[in-house]
Amino acid sequence: MSIEENKKLVRRYCEEVADQGKLDLIDELFAPDPSYEPDYLENFKRNRAESRAALSDVSFEIEDMIAEEDKVVVRGTYRDIHDRGE
């Protein structure tokens, strides 16, 4: 993948999964990797779902995105209100 394709992929994760909660996209956005633990993606999706269930007014805003070769780094602001499950 090119640097721009990698940035686009990470931007989709930040905007659609982290910000909008579209957890079904995790399977599409994460490449299979034999170094993952066997249930890594399922555990990750469950963790994200549990976190979102406990929070409201979730938002993630990308402040900066830096990419080089096959690495992308994001600096952003994550905001939420922990008001559920009380």
PDB file of N, CA and C in Angstrom:
ATOM      1  N   MET A   1       0.840  -1.180   0.000  1.00  0.00           N
ATOM      2  CA  MET A   1       0.000   0.000   0.000  1.00  0.00           C
ATOM      3  C   MET A   1       0.885   1.243   0.000  1.00  0.00           C
ATOM      4  N   SER A   2       0.382   2.280  -0.625  1.00  0.00           N
ATOM      5  CA  SER A   2       1.113   3.537  -0.628  1.00  0.00           C
ATOM      6  C   SER A   2       0.895   4.267   0.701  1.00  0.00           C
ATOM      7  N   ILE A   3       1.690   5.280   0.933  1.00  0.00           N
ATOM      8  CA  ILE A   3       1.526   6.090   2.148  1.00  0.00           C
ATOM      9  C   ILE A   3       0.123   6.691   2.193  1.00  0.00           C
ATOM     10  N   GLU A   4      -0.355   7.185   1.067  1.00  0.00           N
ATOM     11  CA  GLU A   4      -1.694   7.797   1.034  1.00  0.00           C
ATOM     12  C   GLU A   4      -2.789   6.765   1.290  1.00  0.00           C
ATOM     13  N   GLU A   5      -2.623   5.549   0.783  1.00  0.00           N
ATOM     14  CA  GLU A   5      -3.605   4.489   1.044  1.00  0.00           C
ATOM     15  C   GLU A   5      -3.604   4.115   2.525  1.00  0.00           C
ATOM     16  N   ASN A   6      -2.420   4.053   3.132  1.00  0.00           N
ATOM     17  CA  ASN A   6      -2.329   3.760   4.569  1.00  0.00           C
ATOM     18  C   ASN A   6      -3.008   4.855   5.381  1.00  0.00           C
ATOM     19  N   LYS A   7      -2.773   6.107   5.022  1.00  0.00           N
ATOM     20  CA  LYS A   7      -3.410   7.223   5.736  1.00  0.00           C
ATOM     21  C   LYS A   7      -4.927   7.168   5.584  1.00  0.00           C
ATOM     22  N   LYS A   8      -5.389   6.836   4.392  1.00  0.00           N
ATOM     23  CA  LYS A   8      -6.832   6.747   4.151  1.00  0.00           C
ATOM     24  C   LYS A   8      -7.448   5.651   5.026  1.00  0.00           C
ATOM     25  N   LEU A   9      -6.762   4.515   5.131  1.00  0.00           N
ATOM     26  CA  LEU A   9      -7.238   3.408   5.957  1.00  0.00           C
ATOM     27  C   LEU A   9      -7.327   3.804   7.431  1.00  0.00           C
ATOM     28  N   VAL A  10      -6.292   4.456   7.933  1.00  0.00           N
ATOM     29  CA  VAL A  10      -6.274   4.893   9.329  1.00  0.00           C
ATOM     30  C   VAL A  10      -7.338   5.976   9.558  1.00  0.00           C
ATOM     31  N   ARG A  11      -7.490   6.881   8.606  1.00  0.00           N
ATOM     32  CA  ARG A  11      -8.529   7.921   8.722  1.00  0.00           C
ATOM     33  C   ARG A  11      -9.918   7.279   8.788  1.00  0.00           C
ATOM     34  N   ARG A  12     -10.155   6.251   7.972  1.00  0.00           N
ATOM     35  CA  ARG A  12     -11.444   5.548   8.018  1.00  0.00           C
ATOM     36  C   ARG A  12     -11.676   4.936   9.388  1.00  0.00           C
ATOM     37  N   TYR A  13     -10.634   4.307   9.953  1.00  0.00           N
ATOM     38  CA  TYR A  13     -10.781   3.733  11.292  1.00  0.00           C
ATOM     39  C   TYR A  13     -11.138   4.822  12.295  1.00  0.00           C
ATOM     40  N   CYS A  14     -10.394   5.914  12.281  1.00  0.00           N
ATOM     41  CA  CYS A  14     -10.619   6.991  13.255  1.00  0.00           C
ATOM     42  C   CYS A  14     -12.011   7.597  13.102  1.00  0.00           C
ATOM     43  N   GLU A  15     -12.412   7.869  11.868  1.00  0.00           N
ATOM     44  CA  GLU A  15     -13.687   8.543  11.639  1.00  0.00           C
ATOM     45  C   GLU A  15     -14.883   7.605  11.757  1.00  0.00           C
ATOM     46  N   GLU A  16     -14.775   6.417  11.181  1.00  0.00           N
ATOM     47  CA  GLU A  16     -15.941   5.546  11.116  1.00  0.00           C
ATOM     48  C   GLU A  16     -16.060   4.577  12.295  1.00  0.00           C
ATOM     49  N   VAL A  17     -14.946   4.094  12.804  1.00  0.00           N
ATOM     50  CA  VAL A  17     -15.007   3.157  13.930  1.00  0.00           C
ATOM     51  C   VAL A  17     -14.911   3.910  15.251  1.00  0.00           C
ATOM     52  N   ALA A  18     -13.819   4.652  15.467  1.00  0.00           N
ATOM     53  CA  ALA A  18     -13.623   5.343  16.751  1.00  0.00           C
ATOM     54  C   ALA A  18     -14.664   6.428  16.968  1.00  0.00           C
ATOM     55  N   ASP A  19     -14.971   7.218  15.937  1.00  0.00           N
ATOM     56  CA  ASP A  19     -15.883   8.349  16.101  1.00  0.00           C
ATOM     57  C   ASP A  19     -17.352   7.934  15.963  1.00  0.00           C
ATOM     58  N   GLN A  20     -17.674   7.178  14.917  1.00  0.00           N
ATOM     59  CA  GLN A  20     -19.075   6.860  14.629  1.00  0.00           C
ATOM     60  C   GLN A  20     -19.530   5.510  15.185  1.00  0.00           C
ATOM     61  N   GLY A  21     -18.594   4.698  15.669  1.00  0.00           N
ATOM     62  CA  GLY A  21     -18.957   3.426  16.276  1.00  0.00           C
ATOM     63  C   GLY A  21     -19.335   2.324  15.309  1.00  0.00           C
ATOM     64  N   LYS A  22     -18.900   2.405  14.061  1.00  0.00           N
ATOM     65  CA  LYS A  22     -19.205   1.375  13.067  1.00  0.00           C
ATOM     66  C   LYS A  22     -18.250   0.188  13.252  1.00  0.00           C
ATOM     67  N   LEU A  23     -18.503  -0.587  14.285  1.00  0.00           N
ATOM     68  CA  LEU A  23     -17.600  -1.675  14.662  1.00  0.00           C
ATOM     69  C   LEU A  23     -17.543  -2.793  13.634  1.00  0.00           C
ATOM     70  N   ASP A  24     -18.568  -2.914  12.790  1.00  0.00           N
ATOM     71  CA  ASP A  24     -18.560  -3.948  11.765  1.00  0.00           C
ATOM     72  C   ASP A  24     -17.462  -3.720  10.729  1.00  0.00           C
ATOM     73  N   LEU A  25     -16.908  -2.518  10.658  1.00  0.00           N
ATOM     74  CA  LEU A  25     -15.830  -2.223   9.708  1.00  0.00           C
ATOM     75  C   LEU A  25     -14.471  -2.751  10.163  1.00  0.00           C
ATOM     76  N   ILE A  26     -14.350  -3.163  11.415  1.00  0.00           N
ATOM     77  CA  ILE A  26     -13.060  -3.637  11.920  1.00  0.00           C
ATOM     78  C   ILE A  26     -12.544  -4.802  11.078  1.00  0.00           C
ATOM     79  N   ASP A  27     -13.403  -5.742  10.718  1.00  0.00           N
ATOM     80  CA  ASP A  27     -12.965  -6.872   9.899  1.00  0.00           C
ATOM     81  C   ASP A  27     -12.446  -6.412   8.537  1.00  0.00           C
ATOM     82  N   GLU A  28     -13.055  -5.378   7.989  1.00  0.00           N
ATOM     83  CA  GLU A  28     -12.637  -4.863   6.679  1.00  0.00           C
ATOM     84  C   GLU A  28     -11.324  -4.079   6.772  1.00  0.00           C
ATOM     85  N   LEU A  29     -11.143  -3.328   7.843  1.00  0.00           N
ATOM     86  CA  LEU A  29     -10.005  -2.426   7.943  1.00  0.00           C
ATOM     87  C   LEU A  29      -8.736  -3.073   8.473  1.00  0.00           C
ATOM     88  N   PHE A  30      -8.864  -4.163   9.233  1.00  0.00           N
ATOM     89  CA  PHE A  30      -7.698  -4.835   9.798  1.00  0.00           C
ATOM     90  C   PHE A  30      -7.323  -6.023   8.916  1.00  0.00           C
ATOM     91  N   ALA A  31      -6.091  -6.063   8.474  1.00  0.00           N
ATOM     92  CA  ALA A  31      -5.613  -7.179   7.655  1.00  0.00           C
ATOM     93  C   ALA A  31      -5.382  -8.398   8.535  1.00  0.00           C
ATOM     94  N   PRO A  32      -5.675  -9.577   8.019  1.00  0.00           N
ATOM     95  CA  PRO A  32      -5.350 -10.793   8.778  1.00  0.00           C
ATOM     96  C   PRO A  32      -3.843 -10.842   9.029  1.00  0.00           C
ATOM     97  N   ASP A  33      -3.472 -11.256  10.204  1.00  0.00           N
ATOM     98  CA  ASP A  33      -2.059 -11.295  10.567  1.00  0.00           C
ATOM     99  C   ASP A  33      -1.823 -12.528  11.423  1.00  0.00           C
ATOM    100  N   PRO A  34      -0.976 -13.446  10.963  1.00  0.00           N
ATOM    101  CA  PRO A  34      -0.748 -14.673  11.740  1.00  0.00           C
ATOM    102  C   PRO A  34      -0.082 -14.427  13.097  1.00  0.00           C
ATOM    103  N   SER A  35       0.473 -13.247  13.309  1.00  0.00           N
ATOM    104  CA  SER A  35       1.098 -12.963  14.602  1.00  0.00           C
ATOM    105  C   SER A  35       0.069 -12.561  15.666  1.00  0.00           C
ATOM    106  N   TYR A  36      -1.171 -12.275  15.257  1.00  0.00           N
ATOM    107  CA  TYR A  36      -2.233 -11.964  16.215  1.00  0.00           C
ATOM    108  C   TYR A  36      -2.543 -13.200  17.041  1.00  0.00           C
ATOM    109  N   GLU A  37      -2.996 -12.989  18.255  1.00  0.00           N
ATOM    110  CA  GLU A  37      -3.564 -14.078  19.042  1.00  0.00           C
ATOM    111  C   GLU A  37      -4.793 -14.588  18.280  1.00  0.00           C
ATOM    112  N   PRO A  38      -5.179 -15.842  18.447  1.00  0.00           N
ATOM    113  CA  PRO A  38      -6.281 -16.407  17.647  1.00  0.00           C
ATOM    114  C   PRO A  38      -7.575 -15.586  17.663  1.00  0.00           C
ATOM    115  N   ASP A  39      -7.981 -15.061  18.803  1.00  0.00           N
ATOM    116  CA  ASP A  39      -9.245 -14.321  18.888  1.00  0.00           C
ATOM    117  C   ASP A  39      -9.025 -12.820  19.012  1.00  0.00           C
ATOM    118  N   TYR A  40      -7.890 -12.323  18.539  1.00  0.00           N
ATOM    119  CA  TYR A  40      -7.546 -10.908  18.728  1.00  0.00           C
ATOM    120  C   TYR A  40      -8.637  -9.978  18.214  1.00  0.00           C
ATOM    121  N   LEU A  41      -9.052 -10.139  16.967  1.00  0.00           N
ATOM    122  CA  LEU A  41     -10.034  -9.205  16.414  1.00  0.00           C
ATOM    123  C   LEU A  41     -11.385  -9.317  17.100  1.00  0.00           C
ATOM    124  N   GLU A  42     -11.797 -10.525  17.439  1.00  0.00           N
ATOM    125  CA  GLU A  42     -13.073 -10.688  18.147  1.00  0.00           C
ATOM    126  C   GLU A  42     -13.005 -10.024  19.523  1.00  0.00           C
ATOM    127  N   ASN A  43     -11.903 -10.211  20.222  1.00  0.00           N
ATOM    128  CA  ASN A  43     -11.728  -9.572  21.532  1.00  0.00           C
ATOM    129  C   ASN A  43     -11.675  -8.054  21.392  1.00  0.00           C
ATOM    130  N   PHE A  44     -10.996  -7.571  20.360  1.00  0.00           N
ATOM    131  CA  PHE A  44     -10.910  -6.128  20.122  1.00  0.00           C
ATOM    132  C   PHE A  44     -12.292  -5.546  19.852  1.00  0.00           C
ATOM    133  N   LYS A  45     -13.081  -6.209  18.987  1.00  0.00           N
ATOM    134  CA  LYS A  45     -14.436  -5.736  18.689  1.00  0.00           C
ATOM    135  C   LYS A  45     -15.311  -5.747  19.942  1.00  0.00           C
ATOM    136  N   ARG A  46     -15.213  -6.813  20.751  1.00  0.00           N
ATOM    137  CA  ARG A  46     -16.000  -6.886  21.980  1.00  0.00           C
ATOM    138  C   ARG A  46     -15.616  -5.769  22.933  1.00  0.00           C
ATOM    139  N   ASN A  47     -14.313  -5.505  23.068  1.00  0.00           N
ATOM    140  CA  ASN A  47     -13.834  -4.423  23.929  1.00  0.00           C
ATOM    141  C   ASN A  47     -14.369  -3.078  23.463  1.00  0.00           C
ATOM    142  N   ARG A  48     -14.316  -2.825  22.163  1.00  0.00           N
ATOM    143  CA  ARG A  48     -14.825  -1.557  21.614  1.00  0.00           C
ATOM    144  C   ARG A  48     -16.327  -1.444  21.860  1.00  0.00           C
ATOM    145  N   ALA A  49     -17.068  -2.528  21.672  1.00  0.00           N
ATOM    146  CA  ALA A  49     -18.523  -2.515  21.882  1.00  0.00           C
ATOM    147  C   ALA A  49     -18.856  -2.240  23.343  1.00  0.00           C
ATOM    148  N   GLU A  50     -18.134  -2.876  24.271  1.00  0.00           N
ATOM    149  CA  GLU A  50     -18.375  -2.654  25.697  1.00  0.00           C
ATOM    150  C   GLU A  50     -18.052  -1.213  26.086  1.00  0.00           C
ATOM    151  N   SER A  51     -16.985  -0.680  25.545  1.00  0.00           N
ATOM    152  CA  SER A  51     -16.619   0.716  25.846  1.00  0.00           C
ATOM    153  C   SER A  51     -17.695   1.663  25.353  1.00  0.00           C
ATOM    154  N   ARG A  52     -18.149   1.451  24.117  1.00  0.00           N
ATOM    155  CA  ARG A  52     -19.172   2.345  23.552  1.00  0.00           C
ATOM    156  C   ARG A  52     -20.489   2.221  24.306  1.00  0.00           C
ATOM    157  N   ALA A  53     -20.793   1.036  24.827  1.00  0.00           N
ATOM    158  CA  ALA A  53     -22.034   0.841  25.571  1.00  0.00           C
ATOM    159  C   ALA A  53     -22.027   1.626  26.882  1.00  0.00           C
ATOM    160  N   ALA A  54     -20.842   1.870  27.433  1.00  0.00           N
ATOM    161  CA  ALA A  54     -20.723   2.586  28.700  1.00  0.00           C
ATOM    162  C   ALA A  54     -20.584   4.095  28.511  1.00  0.00           C
ATOM    163  N   LEU A  55     -20.503   4.544  27.263  1.00  0.00           N
ATOM    164  CA  LEU A  55     -20.242   5.957  26.999  1.00  0.00           C
ATOM    165  C   LEU A  55     -21.329   6.554  26.124  1.00  0.00           C
ATOM    166  N   SER A  56     -21.489   7.848  26.226  1.00  0.00           N
ATOM    167  CA  SER A  56     -22.366   8.566  25.304  1.00  0.00           C
ATOM    168  C   SER A  56     -21.610   9.785  24.783  1.00  0.00           C
ATOM    169  N   ASP A  57     -22.159  10.385  23.777  1.00  0.00           N
ATOM    170  CA  ASP A  57     -21.579  11.594  23.191  1.00  0.00           C
ATOM    171  C   ASP A  57     -20.103  11.389  22.839  1.00  0.00           C
ATOM    172  N   VAL A  58     -19.814  10.253  22.199  1.00  0.00           N
ATOM    173  CA  VAL A  58     -18.446   9.909  21.835  1.00  0.00           C
ATOM    174  C   VAL A  58     -18.041  10.672  20.583  1.00  0.00           C
ATOM    175  N   SER A  59     -16.835  11.217  20.596  1.00  0.00           N
ATOM    176  CA  SER A  59     -16.292  11.841  19.389  1.00  0.00           C
ATOM    177  C   SER A  59     -14.780  11.675  19.370  1.00  0.00           C
ATOM    178  N   PHE A  60     -14.239  11.561  18.175  1.00  0.00           N
ATOM    179  CA  PHE A  60     -12.791  11.482  17.983  1.00  0.00           C
ATOM    180  C   PHE A  60     -12.438  12.424  16.857  1.00  0.00           C
ATOM    181  N   GLU A  61     -11.549  13.334  17.118  1.00  0.00           N
ATOM    182  CA  GLU A  61     -11.130  14.313  16.120  1.00  0.00           C
ATOM    183  C   GLU A  61      -9.637  14.153  15.860  1.00  0.00           C
ATOM    184  N   ILE A  62      -9.286  13.965  14.591  1.00  0.00           N
ATOM    185  CA  ILE A  62      -7.881  13.859  14.209  1.00  0.00           C
ATOM    186  C   ILE A  62      -7.271  15.259  14.213  1.00  0.00           C
ATOM    187  N   GLU A  63      -6.203  15.423  14.964  1.00  0.00           N
ATOM    188  CA  GLU A  63      -5.489  16.704  15.014  1.00  0.00           C
ATOM    189  C   GLU A  63      -4.339  16.708  13.996  1.00  0.00           C
ATOM    190  N   ASP A  64      -3.568  15.631  13.972  1.00  0.00           N
ATOM    191  CA  ASP A  64      -2.439  15.480  13.056  1.00  0.00           C
ATOM    192  C   ASP A  64      -2.350  14.032  12.612  1.00  0.00           C
ATOM    193  N   MET A  65      -1.858  13.837  11.398  1.00  0.00           N
ATOM    194  CA  MET A  65      -1.587  12.496  10.901  1.00  0.00           C
ATOM    195  C   MET A  65      -0.247  12.543  10.179  1.00  0.00           C
ATOM    196  N   ILE A  66       0.656  11.667  10.603  1.00  0.00           N
ATOM    197  CA  ILE A  66       1.991  11.608  10.022  1.00  0.00           C
ATOM    198  C   ILE A  66       2.209  10.192   9.518  1.00  0.00           C
ATOM    199  N   ALA A  67       2.710  10.071   8.295  1.00  0.00           N
ATOM    200  CA  ALA A  67       2.941   8.746   7.722  1.00  0.00           C
ATOM    201  C   ALA A  67       4.318   8.686   7.073  1.00  0.00           C
ATOM    202  N   GLU A  68       4.927   7.514   7.228  1.00  0.00           N
ATOM    203  CA  GLU A  68       6.217   7.254   6.610  1.00  0.00           C
ATOM    204  C   GLU A  68       6.300   5.757   6.348  1.00  0.00           C
ATOM    205  N   GLU A  69       6.668   5.397   5.132  1.00  0.00           N
ATOM    206  CA  GLU A  69       6.717   3.999   4.718  1.00  0.00           C
ATOM    207  C   GLU A  69       5.391   3.317   5.046  1.00  0.00           C
ATOM    208  N   ASP A  70       5.385   2.283   5.909  1.00  0.00           N
ATOM    209  CA  ASP A  70       4.142   1.578   6.221  1.00  0.00           C
ATOM    210  C   ASP A  70       3.603   1.917   7.607  1.00  0.00           C
ATOM    211  N   LYS A  71       4.026   3.066   8.148  1.00  0.00           N
ATOM    212  CA  LYS A  71       3.597   3.472   9.488  1.00  0.00           C
ATOM    213  C   LYS A  71       2.775   4.754   9.415  1.00  0.00           C
ATOM    214  N   VAL A  72       1.712   4.799  10.220  1.00  0.00           N
ATOM    215  CA  VAL A  72       0.877   5.990  10.322  1.00  0.00           C
ATOM    216  C   VAL A  72       0.670   6.281  11.797  1.00  0.00           C
ATOM    217  N   VAL A  73       0.866   7.539  12.167  1.00  0.00           N
ATOM    218  CA  VAL A  73       0.666   7.969  13.553  1.00  0.00           C
ATOM    219  C   VAL A  73      -0.395   9.060  13.553  1.00  0.00           C
ATOM    220  N   VAL A  74      -1.326   8.948  14.497  1.00  0.00           N
ATOM    221  CA  VAL A  74      -2.396   9.934  14.626  1.00  0.00           C
ATOM    222  C   VAL A  74      -2.322  10.572  15.999  1.00  0.00           C
ATOM    223  N   ARG A  75      -2.438  11.873  16.023  1.00  0.00           N
ATOM    224  CA  ARG A  75      -2.628  12.599  17.286  1.00  0.00           C
ATOM    225  C   ARG A  75      -4.032  13.156  17.205  1.00  0.00           C
ATOM    226  N   GLY A  76      -4.825  12.808  18.193  1.00  0.00           N
ATOM    227  CA  GLY A  76      -6.210  13.248  18.146  1.00  0.00           C
ATOM    228  C   GLY A  76      -6.778  13.484  19.525  1.00  0.00           C
ATOM    229  N   THR A  77      -8.016  13.943  19.513  1.00  0.00           N
ATOM    230  CA  THR A  77      -8.737  14.200  20.749  1.00  0.00           C
ATOM    231  C   THR A  77      -9.961  13.305  20.793  1.00  0.00           C
ATOM    232  N   TYR A  78     -10.050  12.501  21.841  1.00  0.00           N
ATOM    233  CA  TYR A  78     -11.169  11.595  22.060  1.00  0.00           C
ATOM    234  C   TYR A  78     -11.982  12.155  23.215  1.00  0.00           C
ATOM    235  N   ARG A  79     -13.254  12.378  22.970  1.00  0.00           N
ATOM    236  CA  ARG A  79     -14.132  12.905  24.015  1.00  0.00           C
ATOM    237  C   ARG A  79     -15.318  11.966  24.189  1.00  0.00           C
ATOM    238  N   ASP A  80     -15.773  11.849  25.431  1.00  0.00           N
ATOM    239  CA  ASP A  80     -16.960  11.046  25.700  1.00  0.00           C
ATOM    240  C   ASP A  80     -17.505  11.419  27.062  1.00  0.00           C
ATOM    241  N   ILE A  81     -18.674  10.907  27.344  1.00  0.00           N
ATOM    242  CA  ILE A  81     -19.290  11.061  28.658  1.00  0.00           C
ATOM    243  C   ILE A  81     -19.571   9.668  29.187  1.00  0.00           C
ATOM    244  N   HIS A  82     -19.026   9.372  30.371  1.00  0.00           N
ATOM    245  CA  HIS A  82     -19.259   8.063  30.990  1.00  0.00           C
ATOM    246  C   HIS A  82     -20.483   8.202  31.881  1.00  0.00           C
ATOM    247  N   ASP A  83     -21.622   7.802  31.337  1.00  0.00           N
ATOM    248  CA  ASP A  83     -22.864   8.010  32.082  1.00  0.00           C
ATOM    249  C   ASP A  83     -23.774   6.797  32.060  1.00  0.00           C
ATOM    250  N   ARG A  84     -23.313   5.684  31.544  1.00  0.00           N
ATOM    251  CA  ARG A  84     -24.161   4.493  31.469  1.00  0.00           C
ATOM    252  C   ARG A  84     -23.614   3.413  32.375  1.00  0.00           C
ATOM    253  N   GLY A  85     -24.444   2.480  32.708  1.00  0.00           N
ATOM    254  CA  GLY A  85     -24.017   1.349  33.525  1.00  0.00           C
ATOM    255  C   GLY A  85     -23.884   1.683  34.996  1.00  0.00           C
ATOM    256  N   GLU A  86     -24.460   2.790  35.401  1.00  0.00           N
ATOM    257  CA  GLU A  86     -24.376   3.178  36.813  1.00  0.00           C
ATOM    258  C   GLU A  86     -25.490   2.555  37.601  1.00  0.00           C
TER     259      GLU A  86
END
